[in-house]
Amino acid sequence: MKKTYLITILLFSISIGYSCTTAVVSGKATPDGRPILYKNRDTNTLHSRLVYLTSGKYSFIGMTNPNDLENKNILNGHNSAGFAIMNSDSYNINYPEIKEDQRRDGEIMRLALESCSTLEDFEKLLNSLSKPLRLSSNFGVIDAHGGAAYYETGNLGFVKYDANNPDIAPFGYIIRTNYSFSGKPEDGKGYSRYLQAQELLYSASLTNSLTPKFFLQDVSRSLVHGLTKIDLNKYNEQFSAFRDFIPRYFTASVVTIQGVKPTESPSLTTSWTILGTSLGSVTIPLWLNSNKTFPKVLTSDSKQVTPMDEWASAIKKKLFPIQKGEGSDYIHVPTLLVIKPKLISIENEIIQRCELILNEWRNKDKINEKELTNFYSWIDTYIHEKYLPLLK
């Protein structure tokens, strides 16, 4: 009876909703002792852009929608105090459910990035806001002091899940898709994505492999379905139904924010960013810097269009070539299996070079601004030379 009930919930979660797959990892569970935030962002907006804002107590790098010209809603990011935040929408903690256009989740994340340096600051912020909060989120938060937790936040308050508490997170990580553990299980979404993420993270934790690279490549590009166990790596047909894998047609970006150890400078916090679908883009690491810049390929123009996002969208059209009817539900598997290893090969060079630079900066406990500028310049050249040919 319980098994039938679970499958009913899973099938229901597949059929509706735009969603996200997220994780919070304590530094106790990572090989280098640094905490991690992971967010696979799924949205019907389909596009994202990056912003560098300095209007608050802390400056921050964040992500927003292209049409949010005032940068009112920040969807994830990290600030100069080493505080980082992201969220996944929750569909089972408010009754009646809050409509999408009435939620303040993005506003609160911007406010948190502008004003918070610790988990305690974020808790004080949530407690200080007038009720109803108009929030329906699983907020994932890390700070530069070892803090790592989820805050399942509804209209009337929040429930904290601490990734450093072995009673709550025995393996040092917590996963959330689009339901809250403190809510009603029959009304959530994203159960099959949760199952696949749980399998991946559990296996990685056993081999001490919970790294940014693992999240960027193994999780965000997982081609195994959590419920059906269909593995597209072994699929023999031209097209496959592509619903509720961790990467989805509606995936607009992936961010893996790697925090710092309590003894390190918060400036070393790194946002590993995949702008656009993870099946058509590659990761580029970002840091706060005195020039307040990104690589040119991640810099939006006056029309809020970002080159990397546009190129990833062009590759997505190759992956989903059916333009009529429910074409977005069907992926062209041969194209997918050709493009994915090429993306990873390009990405591996970026990660390898970045890790060499980061190790030097960590030894000196500060970022070398000249080296950062040169690295961003290399990124721009490298992307044009190695990534752009995939569009042909």
Protein backbone atom coordinates (compact mmCIF):
# COMPACT_ATOMS: atom_id res chain seq x y z
CA MET A 1 0.00 0.00 0.00
CA LYS A 2 2.77 2.45 0.92
CA LYS A 3 4.68 1.63 -2.27
CA THR A 4 1.61 2.29 -4.40
CA TYR A 5 1.04 5.60 -2.58
CA LEU A 6 4.65 6.68 -3.18
CA ILE A 7 4.47 5.87 -6.89
CA THR A 8 1.22 7.84 -7.15
CA ILE A 9 2.96 10.86 -5.62
CA LEU A 10 5.95 10.44 -7.93
CA LEU A 11 3.84 10.24 -11.06
CA PHE A 12 1.90 13.29 -9.98
CA SER A 13 5.13 15.23 -9.46
CA ILE A 14 6.31 14.38 -12.96
CA SER A 15 3.24 15.79 -14.62
CA ILE A 16 3.26 19.38 -13.42
CA GLY A 17 5.36 22.33 -12.34
CA TYR A 18 8.59 24.17 -13.01
CA SER A 19 11.07 23.15 -10.38
CA CYS A 20 14.62 23.05 -9.05
CA THR A 21 16.96 20.43 -7.62
CA THR A 22 19.16 21.70 -4.79
CA ALA A 23 21.58 20.57 -2.09
CA VAL A 24 23.44 21.94 0.92
CA VAL A 25 26.67 20.21 1.91
CA SER A 26 28.53 20.78 5.17
CA GLY A 27 32.28 21.29 5.01
CA LYS A 28 32.50 18.18 7.19
CA ALA A 29 31.36 16.12 4.19
CA THR A 30 33.61 17.57 1.46
CA PRO A 31 37.19 16.46 0.75
CA ASP A 32 38.64 19.93 1.37
CA GLY A 33 36.42 21.01 4.27
CA ARG A 34 34.60 23.74 2.35
CA PRO A 35 30.79 23.84 2.30
CA ILE A 36 28.83 23.72 -0.95
CA LEU A 37 25.49 25.06 -2.21
CA TYR A 38 24.08 23.47 -5.36
CA LYS A 39 21.13 24.64 -7.44
CA ASN A 40 19.85 23.29 -10.75
CA ARG A 41 17.45 26.09 -11.71
CA ASP A 42 14.34 25.09 -13.67
CA THR A 43 12.00 27.86 -14.82
CA ASN A 44 9.58 28.70 -17.59
CA THR A 45 11.56 31.93 -18.06
CA LEU A 46 14.24 29.72 -19.70
CA HIS A 47 16.94 32.41 -19.45
CA SER A 48 19.11 33.93 -16.70
CA ARG A 49 21.66 36.70 -16.35
CA LEU A 50 24.28 37.68 -13.79
CA VAL A 51 24.48 40.89 -11.78
CA TYR A 52 27.16 42.48 -9.60
CA LEU A 53 25.52 44.73 -7.01
CA THR A 54 27.09 47.01 -4.39
CA SER A 55 24.11 48.90 -2.94
CA GLY A 56 23.94 47.08 0.42
CA LYS A 57 26.18 46.50 3.40
CA TYR A 58 27.81 43.70 1.42
CA SER A 59 28.46 43.56 -2.31
CA PHE A 60 27.39 40.40 -4.09
CA ILE A 61 27.25 38.39 -7.29
CA GLY A 62 23.75 37.14 -8.02
CA MET A 63 21.51 35.72 -10.70
CA THR A 64 18.21 37.12 -11.91
CA ASN A 65 15.82 36.98 -14.87
CA PRO A 66 16.65 39.06 -17.96
CA ASN A 67 13.39 41.00 -17.71
CA ASP A 68 13.97 41.99 -14.07
CA LEU A 69 15.50 45.35 -15.00
CA GLU A 70 15.61 46.59 -11.40
CA ASN A 71 17.28 43.36 -10.19
CA LYS A 72 14.51 43.09 -7.63
CA ASN A 73 14.52 39.29 -7.42
CA ILE A 74 17.83 37.53 -6.89
CA LEU A 75 17.66 33.77 -7.43
CA ASN A 76 21.01 32.75 -5.91
CA GLY A 77 24.35 34.32 -5.12
CA HIS A 78 27.20 34.99 -2.70
CA ASN A 79 28.43 38.15 -1.00
CA SER A 80 31.64 39.73 0.24
CA ALA A 81 31.17 38.24 3.72
CA GLY A 82 31.21 34.70 2.30
CA PHE A 83 27.47 34.31 2.84
CA ALA A 84 25.64 32.45 0.05
CA ILE A 85 22.00 31.63 -0.56
CA MET A 86 19.73 29.88 -3.05
CA ASN A 87 16.27 28.32 -2.96
CA SER A 88 13.86 25.84 -4.41
CA ASP A 89 10.15 26.55 -4.54
CA SER A 90 8.10 24.47 -2.14
CA TYR A 91 4.54 23.45 -2.96
CA ASN A 92 3.43 21.84 0.27
CA ILE A 93 3.87 24.33 3.12
CA ASN A 94 1.26 27.04 2.46
CA TYR A 95 -2.50 26.53 2.33
CA PRO A 96 -3.81 28.10 0.21
CA GLU A 97 -0.73 28.03 -2.02
CA ILE A 98 0.82 31.42 -2.79
CA LYS A 99 0.64 32.35 -6.46
CA GLU A 100 4.00 32.70 -8.22
CA ASP A 101 3.62 36.45 -8.85
CA GLN A 102 2.85 37.10 -5.18
CA ARG A 103 5.92 35.42 -3.70
CA ARG A 104 8.79 37.45 -2.21
CA ASP A 105 11.44 34.71 -2.35
CA GLY A 106 13.72 36.62 -4.75
CA GLU A 107 13.31 39.88 -2.84
CA ILE A 108 14.31 38.19 0.40
CA MET A 109 17.37 36.58 -1.16
CA ARG A 110 18.53 39.98 -2.42
CA LEU A 111 17.96 41.48 1.01
CA ALA A 112 19.86 38.62 2.64
CA LEU A 113 22.83 39.01 0.31
CA GLU A 114 22.93 42.75 0.99
CA SER A 115 22.73 42.46 4.78
CA CYS A 116 23.69 39.00 6.10
CA SER A 117 27.07 37.50 6.92
CA THR A 118 25.99 34.43 8.92
CA LEU A 119 23.16 31.93 9.25
CA GLU A 120 22.18 33.70 12.47
CA ASP A 121 21.82 36.98 10.54
CA PHE A 122 19.51 35.25 8.08
CA GLU A 123 17.40 33.82 10.90
CA LYS A 124 17.10 37.28 12.47
CA LEU A 125 16.07 38.68 9.08
CA LEU A 126 13.31 36.11 8.65
CA ASN A 127 12.10 36.65 12.22
CA SER A 128 12.03 40.43 11.76
CA LEU A 129 9.75 40.39 8.72
CA SER A 130 6.03 41.03 9.13
CA LYS A 131 3.66 38.10 8.67
CA PRO A 132 2.44 36.68 6.38
CA LEU A 133 5.90 36.38 4.86
CA ARG A 134 4.62 35.57 1.35
CA LEU A 135 7.39 33.01 1.10
CA SER A 136 7.21 29.41 -0.08
CA SER A 137 10.80 28.26 -0.26
CA ASN A 138 13.45 25.86 0.86
CA PHE A 139 16.28 28.37 1.35
CA GLY A 140 19.76 26.84 1.28
CA VAL A 141 22.41 28.91 3.07
CA ILE A 142 26.12 28.65 3.84
CA ASP A 143 28.46 31.14 5.50
CA ALA A 144 32.18 31.67 6.01
CA HIS A 145 32.05 30.27 9.55
CA GLY A 146 31.11 26.69 8.67
CA GLY A 147 27.34 27.20 8.69
CA ALA A 148 25.27 25.12 6.25
CA ALA A 149 21.51 24.69 6.50
CA TYR A 150 18.09 24.71 4.87
CA TYR A 151 15.25 26.92 6.01
CA GLU A 152 11.87 25.58 4.95
CA THR A 153 10.01 28.87 4.96
CA GLY A 154 6.29 29.46 4.61
CA ASN A 155 3.89 32.30 5.35
CA LEU A 156 4.20 32.07 9.13
CA GLY A 157 7.84 31.17 9.72
CA PHE A 158 10.55 28.61 9.07
CA VAL A 159 11.87 25.22 10.10
CA LYS A 160 15.67 24.88 10.11
CA TYR A 161 17.50 21.75 8.94
CA ASP A 162 21.18 21.94 9.90
CA ALA A 163 23.60 20.06 7.63
CA ASN A 164 26.13 20.02 10.48
CA ASN A 165 23.74 18.12 12.74
CA PRO A 166 24.35 14.35 12.34
CA ASP A 167 20.84 13.59 13.59
CA ILE A 168 19.42 15.55 10.64
CA ALA A 169 22.15 14.99 8.05
CA PRO A 170 24.09 11.83 8.96
CA PHE A 171 26.21 12.08 5.80
CA GLY A 172 26.66 15.84 5.99
CA TYR A 173 24.37 16.84 3.14
CA ILE A 174 20.70 17.69 2.65
CA ILE A 175 18.74 17.61 -0.60
CA ARG A 176 15.60 19.53 -1.48
CA THR A 177 13.59 19.58 -4.68
CA ASN A 178 10.10 21.10 -4.59
CA TYR A 179 8.65 19.93 -1.34
CA SER A 180 9.42 20.60 2.30
CA PHE A 181 9.92 17.81 4.83
CA SER A 182 7.91 19.89 7.29
CA GLY A 183 4.95 20.01 4.87
CA LYS A 184 2.34 17.56 3.58
CA PRO A 185 4.04 14.90 1.40
CA GLU A 186 1.02 14.40 -0.87
CA ASP A 187 1.23 17.99 -2.17
CA GLY A 188 4.91 18.26 -3.05
CA LYS A 189 6.71 18.01 -6.37
CA GLY A 190 10.06 16.71 -7.55
CA TYR A 191 10.10 13.33 -5.78
CA SER A 192 11.74 11.44 -8.63
CA ARG A 193 14.46 14.08 -8.98
CA TYR A 194 15.03 13.78 -5.25
CA LEU A 195 15.46 10.00 -5.59
CA GLN A 196 18.12 10.37 -8.28
CA ALA A 197 19.97 13.14 -6.42
CA GLN A 198 19.90 11.07 -3.23
CA GLU A 199 21.41 8.06 -5.01
CA LEU A 200 24.15 10.18 -6.57
CA LEU A 201 25.07 12.05 -3.39
CA TYR A 202 24.99 8.96 -1.21
CA SER A 203 27.41 7.15 -3.54
CA ALA A 204 29.68 10.20 -3.73
CA SER A 205 29.71 10.61 0.04
CA LEU A 206 30.95 7.04 0.44
CA THR A 207 33.98 7.81 -1.72
CA ASN A 208 34.57 11.32 -0.31
CA SER A 209 33.71 12.82 -3.71
CA LEU A 210 31.27 15.63 -2.86
CA THR A 211 33.11 18.28 -4.88
CA PRO A 212 32.00 21.14 -7.15
CA LYS A 213 33.02 19.06 -10.17
CA PHE A 214 30.78 16.22 -9.01
CA PHE A 215 27.76 18.51 -8.78
CA LEU A 216 28.49 20.25 -12.06
CA GLN A 217 29.08 17.13 -14.12
CA ASP A 218 27.54 14.10 -12.42
CA VAL A 219 24.46 15.68 -10.87
CA SER A 220 23.50 18.53 -13.19
CA ARG A 221 24.02 16.32 -16.26
CA SER A 222 22.63 13.09 -14.84
CA LEU A 223 20.85 11.12 -17.58
CA VAL A 224 19.26 8.55 -15.28
CA HIS A 225 15.61 8.99 -14.26
CA GLY A 226 15.04 8.67 -10.52
CA LEU A 227 11.76 6.75 -10.81
CA THR A 228 11.92 4.73 -14.04
CA LYS A 229 15.72 4.22 -13.91
CA ILE A 230 15.88 4.82 -17.66
CA ASP A 231 19.53 5.57 -18.49
CA LEU A 232 19.90 7.66 -21.64
CA ASN A 233 23.58 6.77 -21.78
CA LYS A 234 22.40 3.28 -22.82
CA TYR A 235 19.35 4.31 -24.84
CA ASN A 236 19.03 2.94 -28.37
CA GLU A 237 16.18 5.01 -29.83
CA GLN A 238 16.41 8.39 -31.57
CA PHE A 239 14.09 10.24 -29.19
CA SER A 240 13.33 9.79 -25.52
CA ALA A 241 10.66 11.28 -23.31
CA PHE A 242 12.53 13.81 -21.16
CA ARG A 243 10.43 14.64 -18.12
CA ASP A 244 11.71 15.14 -14.60
CA PHE A 245 15.31 14.12 -15.02
CA ILE A 246 17.52 16.42 -12.92
CA PRO A 247 18.43 18.38 -16.07
CA ARG A 248 15.21 19.35 -17.85
CA TYR A 249 14.08 21.31 -20.87
CA PHE A 250 13.31 24.10 -18.41
CA THR A 251 16.78 24.16 -16.82
CA ALA A 252 18.03 27.73 -17.22
CA SER A 253 21.23 27.58 -15.16
CA VAL A 254 23.27 25.67 -12.61
CA VAL A 255 25.24 27.19 -9.75
CA THR A 256 27.58 25.41 -7.36
CA ILE A 257 28.83 27.85 -4.74
CA GLN A 258 31.94 26.64 -2.95
CA GLY A 259 32.41 28.37 0.38
CA VAL A 260 35.54 28.79 2.48
CA LYS A 261 36.98 27.28 5.62
CA PRO A 262 36.51 29.38 8.78
CA THR A 263 40.22 30.25 8.66
CA GLU A 264 40.09 31.55 5.07
CA SER A 265 39.24 34.90 3.53
CA PRO A 266 35.57 35.12 2.42
CA SER A 267 36.83 36.61 -0.85
CA LEU A 268 37.83 33.11 -1.93
CA THR A 269 34.18 32.01 -2.12
CA THR A 270 33.67 30.69 -5.66
CA SER A 271 30.49 30.55 -7.73
CA TRP A 272 30.87 27.81 -10.33
CA THR A 273 28.26 28.95 -12.85
CA ILE A 274 26.66 27.19 -15.81
CA LEU A 275 24.57 29.83 -17.58
CA GLY A 276 21.92 28.19 -19.74
CA THR A 277 21.03 24.53 -19.89
CA SER A 278 23.63 22.24 -18.34
CA LEU A 279 23.28 20.07 -21.45
CA GLY A 280 24.44 22.92 -23.68
CA SER A 281 26.77 25.10 -21.62
CA VAL A 282 29.94 24.84 -19.52
CA THR A 283 30.87 26.06 -16.06
CA ILE A 284 32.75 29.30 -15.49
CA PRO A 285 33.97 30.19 -11.96
CA LEU A 286 33.25 33.68 -10.62
CA TRP A 287 34.60 35.77 -7.75
CA LEU A 288 33.91 39.19 -6.31
CA ASN A 289 36.57 41.61 -7.53
CA SER A 290 37.46 45.31 -7.41
CA ASN A 291 36.58 45.84 -11.07
CA LYS A 292 33.08 44.39 -10.51
CA THR A 293 33.37 42.38 -13.70
CA PHE A 294 32.56 38.99 -15.20
CA PRO A 295 34.10 37.34 -18.24
CA LYS A 296 32.64 38.95 -21.37
CA VAL A 297 30.83 35.72 -22.29
CA LEU A 298 28.83 36.07 -19.04
CA THR A 299 28.23 39.83 -19.29
CA SER A 300 24.77 40.89 -20.45
CA ASP A 301 24.31 43.71 -22.96
CA SER A 302 21.92 46.67 -22.92
CA LYS A 303 19.06 44.34 -23.88
CA GLN A 304 19.89 42.01 -20.95
CA VAL A 305 21.11 39.30 -23.33
CA THR A 306 24.14 37.24 -22.28
CA PRO A 307 26.28 35.51 -24.95
CA MET A 308 26.70 32.21 -23.07
CA ASP A 309 22.99 32.00 -22.38
CA GLU A 310 22.19 32.59 -26.05
CA TRP A 311 24.71 30.00 -27.24
CA ALA A 312 23.38 27.42 -24.81
CA SER A 313 19.87 28.09 -26.13
CA ALA A 314 21.11 27.41 -29.65
CA ILE A 315 22.46 24.02 -28.55
CA LYS A 316 19.18 23.32 -26.77
CA LYS A 317 17.39 23.68 -30.12
CA LYS A 318 19.59 20.88 -31.44
CA LEU A 319 18.74 18.72 -28.45
CA PHE A 320 15.00 19.43 -28.75
CA PRO A 321 14.47 19.74 -32.52
CA ILE A 322 10.71 19.05 -32.51
CA GLN A 323 9.10 22.48 -32.65
CA LYS A 324 5.45 21.39 -32.78
CA GLY A 325 3.12 20.17 -30.07
CA GLU A 326 4.88 18.76 -27.01
CA GLY A 327 8.33 18.87 -28.62
CA SER A 328 9.98 20.14 -25.44
CA ASP A 329 9.16 16.77 -23.83
CA TYR A 330 11.37 14.82 -26.25
CA ILE A 331 15.14 14.95 -26.49
CA HIS A 332 17.22 13.74 -29.45
CA VAL A 333 19.45 11.19 -27.75
CA PRO A 334 22.20 10.79 -30.41
CA THR A 335 22.81 14.56 -30.36
CA LEU A 336 22.84 14.54 -26.56
CA LEU A 337 25.41 11.75 -26.40
CA VAL A 338 27.67 13.56 -28.86
CA ILE A 339 27.48 16.98 -27.19
CA LYS A 340 27.71 15.97 -23.52
CA PRO A 341 31.28 14.54 -23.59
CA LYS A 342 32.47 17.54 -25.59
CA LEU A 343 31.08 19.90 -22.97
CA ILE A 344 32.79 17.96 -20.20
CA SER A 345 36.10 17.95 -22.08
CA ILE A 346 35.96 21.73 -22.50
CA GLU A 347 34.89 22.17 -18.91
CA ASN A 348 37.64 19.97 -17.50
CA GLU A 349 40.29 22.36 -18.82
CA ILE A 350 38.51 25.30 -17.17
CA ILE A 351 38.23 23.46 -13.85
CA GLN A 352 41.85 22.30 -13.94
CA ARG A 353 43.21 25.78 -14.60
CA CYS A 354 40.92 27.31 -12.02
CA GLU A 355 41.96 24.86 -9.31
CA LEU A 356 45.64 25.70 -9.89
CA ILE A 357 44.92 29.40 -9.47
CA LEU A 358 42.65 28.85 -6.48
CA ASN A 359 45.29 26.78 -4.69
CA GLU A 360 47.77 29.64 -5.06
CA TRP A 361 45.24 32.17 -3.79
CA ARG A 362 44.32 29.96 -0.86
CA ASN A 363 47.98 29.61 0.11
CA LYS A 364 48.23 33.42 0.19
CA ASP A 365 44.68 33.77 1.59
CA LYS A 366 43.72 36.39 -0.97
CA ILE A 367 42.76 36.77 -4.61
CA ASN A 368 45.35 38.19 -6.99
CA GLU A 369 43.30 40.68 -9.02
CA LYS A 370 45.70 40.70 -11.97
CA GLU A 371 45.60 36.92 -12.19
CA LEU A 372 41.79 37.02 -11.97
CA THR A 373 41.60 39.50 -14.85
CA ASN A 374 43.98 37.38 -16.92
CA PHE A 375 41.98 34.24 -16.15
CA TYR A 376 38.71 35.88 -17.22
CA SER A 377 40.44 36.98 -20.43
CA TRP A 378 41.62 33.43 -21.04
CA ILE A 379 38.07 32.16 -20.44
CA ASP A 380 36.71 34.47 -23.14
CA THR A 381 39.31 33.32 -25.65
CA TYR A 382 38.99 29.65 -24.74
CA ILE A 383 35.19 29.66 -25.01
CA HIS A 384 35.36 31.18 -28.48
CA GLU A 385 37.98 28.68 -29.63
CA LYS A 386 36.65 25.46 -28.10
CA TYR A 387 32.97 25.93 -27.26
CA LEU A 388 31.56 27.98 -30.16
CA PRO A 389 32.33 25.27 -32.76
CA LEU A 390 29.66 23.14 -31.04
CA LEU A 391 27.03 25.51 -32.38
CA LYS A 392 27.81 24.67 -36.00
